[in-house]
């Protein structure tokens, strides 16, 4: 087992498959998750634990994408196992901070989200849904 996949499988709160993290192909990069667990963008997030911090090389901050529901996050290209480092230029330190920032995002333009994946960091352009 790859070190990253082994580390994630040891995470006691992990409710998703770490296949994306190990580089293996999965049948689906999304999981059916309850709407209460998914934010307005379609993401289910959790803080990294100590083991994941060491494996990912993220000393503080960062959020693990535990699920991707229907919505803007899926369209932007988020995958289970992504580690979100920045949202619209602001370093992300916790899930609660992310949700606070999420409420303040502009609706007139996509916002950049810095994501860490096993093959490197990349920016995803995330559009924020307009609430009616």
N, C-alpha and C. Protein backbone atom coordinates (compact mmCIF):
# COMPACT_ATOMS: atom_id res chain seq x y z
N UNK A 1 0.86 -1.18 0.00
CA UNK A 1 0.00 0.00 0.00
C UNK A 1 0.90 1.23 0.00
N UNK A 2 0.53 2.21 -0.79
CA UNK A 2 1.30 3.46 -0.85
C UNK A 2 1.26 4.15 0.51
N UNK A 3 2.35 4.85 0.91
CA UNK A 3 2.38 5.49 2.22
C UNK A 3 1.22 6.44 2.46
N UNK A 4 0.84 7.19 1.45
CA UNK A 4 -0.25 8.14 1.62
C UNK A 4 -1.57 7.42 1.85
N UNK A 5 -1.83 6.38 1.08
CA UNK A 5 -3.06 5.62 1.24
C UNK A 5 -3.09 4.95 2.60
N UNK A 6 -1.95 4.44 3.05
CA UNK A 6 -1.88 3.81 4.37
C UNK A 6 -2.16 4.82 5.46
N UNK A 7 -1.62 6.01 5.33
CA UNK A 7 -1.83 7.05 6.35
C UNK A 7 -3.29 7.44 6.41
N UNK A 8 -3.91 7.60 5.26
CA UNK A 8 -5.30 8.01 5.25
C UNK A 8 -6.18 6.90 5.78
N UNK A 9 -5.85 5.63 5.50
CA UNK A 9 -6.69 4.54 5.97
C UNK A 9 -6.63 4.42 7.49
N UNK A 10 -5.57 4.95 8.12
CA UNK A 10 -5.46 4.94 9.57
C UNK A 10 -6.27 6.05 10.22
N UNK A 11 -6.75 6.99 9.44
CA UNK A 11 -7.54 8.10 9.98
C UNK A 11 -8.85 7.56 10.50
N UNK A 12 -9.10 7.73 11.78
CA UNK A 12 -10.27 7.11 12.38
C UNK A 12 -11.57 7.73 11.90
N UNK A 13 -11.57 8.97 11.46
CA UNK A 13 -12.80 9.62 11.03
C UNK A 13 -13.00 9.55 9.52
N UNK A 14 -12.13 8.89 8.82
CA UNK A 14 -12.21 8.85 7.36
C UNK A 14 -13.40 8.03 6.93
N UNK A 15 -14.30 8.63 6.18
CA UNK A 15 -15.51 7.94 5.75
C UNK A 15 -15.52 7.72 4.25
N UNK A 16 -14.42 8.00 3.57
CA UNK A 16 -14.37 7.85 2.12
C UNK A 16 -13.17 7.01 1.74
N UNK A 17 -13.20 6.49 0.55
CA UNK A 17 -12.10 5.68 0.05
C UNK A 17 -10.93 6.57 -0.34
N UNK A 18 -9.70 6.19 0.03
CA UNK A 18 -8.54 7.00 -0.31
C UNK A 18 -7.93 6.64 -1.65
N UNK A 19 -8.69 6.02 -2.56
CA UNK A 19 -8.12 5.59 -3.83
C UNK A 19 -7.55 6.74 -4.62
N UNK A 20 -8.18 7.91 -4.56
CA UNK A 20 -7.65 9.08 -5.28
C UNK A 20 -6.27 9.43 -4.77
N UNK A 21 -6.06 9.30 -3.47
CA UNK A 21 -4.79 9.68 -2.86
C UNK A 21 -3.67 8.75 -3.29
N UNK A 22 -3.97 7.47 -3.49
CA UNK A 22 -2.93 6.52 -3.84
C UNK A 22 -2.64 6.49 -5.33
N UNK A 23 -3.43 7.24 -6.10
CA UNK A 23 -3.22 7.27 -7.53
C UNK A 23 -4.02 6.21 -8.27
N UNK A 24 -4.72 5.33 -7.53
CA UNK A 24 -5.53 4.31 -8.17
C UNK A 24 -6.79 4.94 -8.75
N UNK A 25 -7.28 4.34 -9.80
CA UNK A 25 -8.52 4.82 -10.41
C UNK A 25 -9.69 4.23 -9.64
N UNK A 26 -10.69 5.05 -9.39
CA UNK A 26 -11.90 4.55 -8.76
C UNK A 26 -13.04 4.65 -9.76
N UNK A 27 -14.11 3.90 -9.48
CA UNK A 27 -15.25 3.93 -10.38
C UNK A 27 -15.89 5.31 -10.41
N UNK A 28 -15.85 5.99 -9.28
CA UNK A 28 -16.46 7.31 -9.19
C UNK A 28 -15.65 8.14 -8.22
N UNK A 29 -15.42 9.38 -8.57
CA UNK A 29 -14.70 10.29 -7.67
C UNK A 29 -15.66 11.01 -6.74
N UNK A 30 -16.92 10.68 -6.80
CA UNK A 30 -17.90 11.31 -5.92
C UNK A 30 -18.62 10.25 -5.13
N UNK A 31 -19.13 10.65 -3.98
CA UNK A 31 -19.89 9.75 -3.13
C UNK A 31 -21.28 10.30 -2.91
N UNK A 32 -22.26 9.44 -2.77
CA UNK A 32 -23.56 9.94 -2.35
C UNK A 32 -23.47 10.31 -0.87
N UNK A 33 -23.66 11.55 -0.55
CA UNK A 33 -23.59 11.99 0.83
C UNK A 33 -24.80 12.84 1.13
N UNK A 34 -25.20 12.84 2.38
CA UNK A 34 -26.41 13.56 2.75
C UNK A 34 -26.23 15.05 2.54
N UNK A 35 -27.32 15.72 2.21
CA UNK A 35 -27.24 17.15 1.93
C UNK A 35 -26.80 17.94 3.16
N UNK A 36 -27.05 17.41 4.36
CA UNK A 36 -26.63 18.13 5.56
C UNK A 36 -25.11 18.13 5.72
N UNK A 37 -24.44 17.15 5.10
CA UNK A 37 -22.99 17.07 5.21
C UNK A 37 -22.27 17.88 4.15
N UNK A 38 -23.01 18.37 3.17
CA UNK A 38 -22.41 19.07 2.05
C UNK A 38 -22.71 20.56 2.15
N UNK A 39 -21.70 21.39 1.92
CA UNK A 39 -21.91 22.83 1.99
C UNK A 39 -22.58 23.33 0.70
N UNK A 40 -22.77 24.64 0.60
CA UNK A 40 -23.49 25.20 -0.55
C UNK A 40 -22.75 25.01 -1.87
N UNK A 41 -21.47 24.70 -1.82
CA UNK A 41 -20.68 24.50 -3.03
C UNK A 41 -20.67 23.03 -3.47
N UNK A 42 -21.15 22.14 -2.62
CA UNK A 42 -21.14 20.72 -2.94
C UNK A 42 -19.96 19.98 -2.36
N UNK A 43 -19.33 20.54 -1.33
CA UNK A 43 -18.15 19.92 -0.71
C UNK A 43 -18.45 19.43 0.70
N UNK A 44 -17.94 18.27 1.02
CA UNK A 44 -17.90 17.79 2.40
C UNK A 44 -16.44 17.84 2.80
N UNK A 45 -16.13 18.62 3.84
CA UNK A 45 -14.74 18.89 4.21
C UNK A 45 -14.48 18.51 5.66
N UNK A 46 -13.22 18.21 5.95
CA UNK A 46 -12.80 18.02 7.33
C UNK A 46 -11.35 18.45 7.48
N UNK A 47 -11.00 18.83 8.71
CA UNK A 47 -9.63 19.22 9.01
C UNK A 47 -8.71 18.01 8.85
N UNK A 48 -7.45 18.27 8.48
CA UNK A 48 -6.46 17.20 8.40
C UNK A 48 -6.08 16.76 9.80
N UNK A 49 -5.81 15.46 9.98
CA UNK A 49 -5.29 14.99 11.26
C UNK A 49 -3.76 15.00 11.22
N UNK A 50 -3.12 14.68 12.33
CA UNK A 50 -1.66 14.73 12.42
C UNK A 50 -0.94 13.85 11.42
N UNK A 51 -1.44 12.64 11.23
CA UNK A 51 -0.80 11.71 10.27
C UNK A 51 -0.88 12.29 8.86
N UNK A 52 -2.05 12.79 8.50
CA UNK A 52 -2.22 13.35 7.15
C UNK A 52 -1.35 14.59 6.96
N UNK A 53 -1.20 15.39 8.00
CA UNK A 53 -0.33 16.57 7.90
C UNK A 53 1.10 16.18 7.55
N UNK A 54 1.59 15.14 8.22
CA UNK A 54 2.96 14.69 7.94
C UNK A 54 3.08 14.13 6.53
N UNK A 55 2.12 13.30 6.13
CA UNK A 55 2.18 12.68 4.81
C UNK A 55 2.05 13.71 3.70
N UNK A 56 1.12 14.65 3.84
CA UNK A 56 0.91 15.67 2.82
C UNK A 56 1.97 16.76 2.88
N UNK A 57 2.69 16.87 4.01
CA UNK A 57 3.66 17.95 4.15
C UNK A 57 2.98 19.28 4.37
N UNK A 58 1.84 19.28 5.06
CA UNK A 58 1.08 20.49 5.36
C UNK A 58 1.17 20.71 6.88
N UNK A 59 2.06 21.60 7.34
CA UNK A 59 2.26 21.76 8.79
C UNK A 59 1.06 22.31 9.54
N UNK A 60 0.29 23.17 8.90
CA UNK A 60 -0.92 23.68 9.54
C UNK A 60 -1.92 24.07 8.46
N UNK A 61 -3.19 24.19 8.86
CA UNK A 61 -4.23 24.51 7.90
C UNK A 61 -4.50 23.36 6.96
N UNK A 62 -5.20 23.66 5.90
CA UNK A 62 -5.55 22.64 4.92
C UNK A 62 -6.78 21.86 5.32
N UNK A 63 -7.60 21.53 4.34
CA UNK A 63 -8.81 20.75 4.55
C UNK A 63 -8.85 19.59 3.58
N UNK A 64 -9.26 18.44 4.06
CA UNK A 64 -9.41 17.28 3.21
C UNK A 64 -10.81 17.26 2.62
N UNK A 65 -10.91 17.08 1.31
CA UNK A 65 -12.20 16.94 0.66
C UNK A 65 -12.64 15.49 0.88
N UNK A 66 -13.66 15.32 1.73
CA UNK A 66 -14.15 13.99 2.08
C UNK A 66 -15.29 13.54 1.17
N UNK A 67 -15.89 14.49 0.47
CA UNK A 67 -16.97 14.15 -0.45
C UNK A 67 -17.24 15.29 -1.41
N UNK A 68 -17.69 14.92 -2.60
CA UNK A 68 -18.05 15.92 -3.60
C UNK A 68 -19.45 15.57 -4.08
N UNK A 69 -20.40 16.45 -3.76
CA UNK A 69 -21.78 16.23 -4.18
C UNK A 69 -22.05 16.91 -5.50
N UNK A 70 -23.31 16.92 -5.87
CA UNK A 70 -23.72 17.64 -7.06
C UNK A 70 -23.53 19.12 -6.81
N UNK A 71 -23.07 19.85 -7.78
CA UNK A 71 -22.96 21.28 -7.61
C UNK A 71 -21.71 21.87 -8.21
N UNK A 72 -21.42 23.08 -7.76
CA UNK A 72 -20.33 23.86 -8.34
C UNK A 72 -18.96 23.22 -8.11
N UNK A 73 -18.76 22.57 -6.98
CA UNK A 73 -17.47 21.94 -6.70
C UNK A 73 -17.17 20.83 -7.70
N UNK A 74 -18.17 20.05 -8.01
CA UNK A 74 -17.97 18.97 -8.99
C UNK A 74 -17.62 19.57 -10.35
N UNK A 75 -18.33 20.63 -10.73
CA UNK A 75 -18.07 21.28 -12.02
C UNK A 75 -16.67 21.89 -12.07
N UNK A 76 -16.17 22.36 -10.93
CA UNK A 76 -14.84 22.97 -10.88
C UNK A 76 -13.74 21.91 -10.95
N UNK A 77 -14.07 20.65 -10.68
CA UNK A 77 -13.08 19.58 -10.78
C UNK A 77 -12.55 19.06 -9.46
N UNK A 78 -13.19 19.38 -8.35
CA UNK A 78 -12.75 18.84 -7.06
C UNK A 78 -12.89 17.33 -7.05
N UNK A 79 -11.97 16.66 -6.34
CA UNK A 79 -11.97 15.21 -6.19
C UNK A 79 -11.85 14.86 -4.71
N UNK A 80 -12.41 13.73 -4.35
CA UNK A 80 -12.22 13.22 -3.01
C UNK A 80 -10.72 13.02 -2.80
N UNK A 81 -10.23 13.48 -1.66
CA UNK A 81 -8.80 13.36 -1.36
C UNK A 81 -8.02 14.62 -1.63
N UNK A 82 -8.61 15.59 -2.35
CA UNK A 82 -7.94 16.88 -2.53
C UNK A 82 -7.72 17.52 -1.17
N UNK A 83 -6.65 18.29 -1.06
CA UNK A 83 -6.40 19.08 0.15
C UNK A 83 -6.49 20.54 -0.26
N UNK A 84 -7.47 21.24 0.30
CA UNK A 84 -7.66 22.66 0.00
C UNK A 84 -6.72 23.47 0.88
N UNK A 85 -5.87 24.29 0.24
CA UNK A 85 -4.90 25.11 0.96
C UNK A 85 -5.30 26.58 1.03
N UNK A 86 -5.92 27.10 -0.04
CA UNK A 86 -6.33 28.50 -0.09
C UNK A 86 -7.66 28.64 -0.79
N UNK A 87 -8.44 29.61 -0.33
CA UNK A 87 -9.72 29.94 -0.96
C UNK A 87 -9.71 31.43 -1.28
N UNK A 88 -9.75 31.75 -2.55
CA UNK A 88 -9.73 33.14 -3.03
C UNK A 88 -8.56 33.93 -2.42
N UNK A 89 -7.39 33.30 -2.39
CA UNK A 89 -6.18 33.96 -1.92
C UNK A 89 -5.96 33.96 -0.41
N UNK A 90 -6.87 33.35 0.34
CA UNK A 90 -6.76 33.31 1.80
C UNK A 90 -6.39 31.90 2.23
N UNK A 91 -5.29 31.73 2.99
CA UNK A 91 -4.94 30.40 3.49
C UNK A 91 -6.07 29.85 4.38
N UNK A 92 -6.39 28.59 4.19
CA UNK A 92 -7.48 27.95 4.93
C UNK A 92 -6.90 27.23 6.14
N UNK A 93 -7.43 27.57 7.32
CA UNK A 93 -6.91 26.98 8.56
C UNK A 93 -7.84 25.96 9.20
N UNK A 94 -9.13 26.00 8.88
CA UNK A 94 -10.09 25.05 9.47
C UNK A 94 -11.36 25.02 8.64
N UNK A 95 -12.17 24.00 8.89
CA UNK A 95 -13.44 23.89 8.18
C UNK A 95 -14.37 25.05 8.54
N UNK A 96 -14.37 25.45 9.80
CA UNK A 96 -15.24 26.56 10.20
C UNK A 96 -14.81 27.86 9.52
N UNK A 97 -13.50 28.09 9.40
CA UNK A 97 -13.02 29.28 8.71
C UNK A 97 -13.40 29.23 7.23
N UNK A 98 -13.27 28.05 6.61
CA UNK A 98 -13.65 27.89 5.20
C UNK A 98 -15.11 28.28 5.00
N UNK A 99 -15.99 27.80 5.89
CA UNK A 99 -17.42 28.09 5.75
C UNK A 99 -17.72 29.57 5.96
N UNK A 100 -16.95 30.24 6.81
CA UNK A 100 -17.10 31.69 6.97
C UNK A 100 -16.68 32.41 5.70
N UNK A 101 -15.55 32.01 5.15
CA UNK A 101 -15.07 32.62 3.90
C UNK A 101 -16.05 32.35 2.75
N UNK A 102 -16.60 31.16 2.73
CA UNK A 102 -17.53 30.75 1.68
C UNK A 102 -18.73 31.71 1.61
N UNK A 103 -19.19 32.16 2.77
CA UNK A 103 -20.34 33.07 2.82
C UNK A 103 -20.03 34.45 2.24
N UNK A 104 -18.74 34.79 2.17
CA UNK A 104 -18.32 36.12 1.70
C UNK A 104 -17.81 36.12 0.26
N UNK A 105 -17.84 34.98 -0.40
CA UNK A 105 -17.30 34.91 -1.76
C UNK A 105 -18.15 35.70 -2.74
N UNK A 106 -17.50 36.30 -3.74
CA UNK A 106 -18.25 37.05 -4.75
C UNK A 106 -19.03 36.11 -5.66
N UNK A 107 -20.15 36.58 -6.15
CA UNK A 107 -20.99 35.80 -7.05
C UNK A 107 -20.79 36.21 -8.51
N UNK A 108 -19.97 37.24 -8.74
CA UNK A 108 -19.82 37.77 -10.10
C UNK A 108 -18.60 37.23 -10.84
N UNK A 109 -17.82 36.39 -10.19
CA UNK A 109 -16.63 35.84 -10.84
C UNK A 109 -16.23 34.52 -10.18
N UNK A 110 -15.57 33.63 -10.91
CA UNK A 110 -15.04 32.42 -10.28
C UNK A 110 -13.90 32.81 -9.32
N UNK A 111 -13.76 32.05 -8.25
CA UNK A 111 -12.68 32.31 -7.30
C UNK A 111 -11.65 31.18 -7.39
N UNK A 112 -10.37 31.53 -7.24
CA UNK A 112 -9.34 30.50 -7.29
C UNK A 112 -9.26 29.73 -5.96
N UNK A 113 -9.11 28.41 -6.07
CA UNK A 113 -8.94 27.56 -4.91
C UNK A 113 -7.66 26.76 -5.13
N UNK A 114 -6.69 26.94 -4.23
CA UNK A 114 -5.44 26.19 -4.34
C UNK A 114 -5.64 24.82 -3.71
N UNK A 115 -5.39 23.78 -4.51
CA UNK A 115 -5.61 22.40 -4.09
C UNK A 115 -4.30 21.63 -4.23
N UNK A 116 -4.04 20.79 -3.24
CA UNK A 116 -2.87 19.90 -3.31
C UNK A 116 -3.34 18.50 -3.67
N UNK A 117 -2.67 17.92 -4.67
CA UNK A 117 -2.91 16.53 -5.08
C UNK A 117 -1.58 15.81 -5.09
N UNK A 118 -1.59 14.48 -5.15
CA UNK A 118 -0.33 13.75 -5.14
C UNK A 118 0.63 14.16 -6.25
N UNK A 119 0.10 14.59 -7.39
CA UNK A 119 0.97 14.96 -8.51
C UNK A 119 1.31 16.45 -8.54
N UNK A 120 0.93 17.20 -7.50
CA UNK A 120 1.29 18.61 -7.42
C UNK A 120 0.10 19.50 -7.07
N UNK A 121 0.40 20.75 -6.87
CA UNK A 121 -0.63 21.74 -6.54
C UNK A 121 -1.23 22.31 -7.82
N UNK A 122 -2.51 22.69 -7.74
CA UNK A 122 -3.15 23.34 -8.86
C UNK A 122 -4.25 24.25 -8.35
N UNK A 123 -4.63 25.21 -9.18
CA UNK A 123 -5.74 26.09 -8.86
C UNK A 123 -6.97 25.61 -9.62
N UNK A 124 -8.10 25.55 -8.91
CA UNK A 124 -9.39 25.27 -9.53
C UNK A 124 -10.20 26.54 -9.50
N UNK A 125 -10.93 26.81 -10.56
CA UNK A 125 -11.78 28.01 -10.64
C UNK A 125 -13.18 27.61 -10.18
N UNK A 126 -13.58 28.14 -9.04
CA UNK A 126 -14.85 27.79 -8.43
C UNK A 126 -15.85 28.92 -8.56
N UNK A 127 -16.97 28.64 -9.19
CA UNK A 127 -18.05 29.61 -9.30
C UNK A 127 -18.98 29.42 -8.11
N UNK A 128 -19.44 30.52 -7.55
CA UNK A 128 -20.31 30.48 -6.38
C UNK A 128 -21.74 30.62 -6.85
N UNK A 129 -22.62 29.71 -6.41
CA UNK A 129 -24.02 29.80 -6.86
C UNK A 129 -24.70 31.04 -6.30
N UNK A 130 -25.58 31.61 -7.11
CA UNK A 130 -26.36 32.75 -6.66
C UNK A 130 -27.60 32.23 -5.96
N UNK A 131 -27.81 32.67 -4.73
CA UNK A 131 -28.99 32.26 -3.98
C UNK A 131 -30.18 33.09 -4.41
N UNK A 132 -31.30 32.44 -4.63
CA UNK A 132 -32.50 33.16 -5.07
C UNK A 132 -33.44 33.36 -3.95
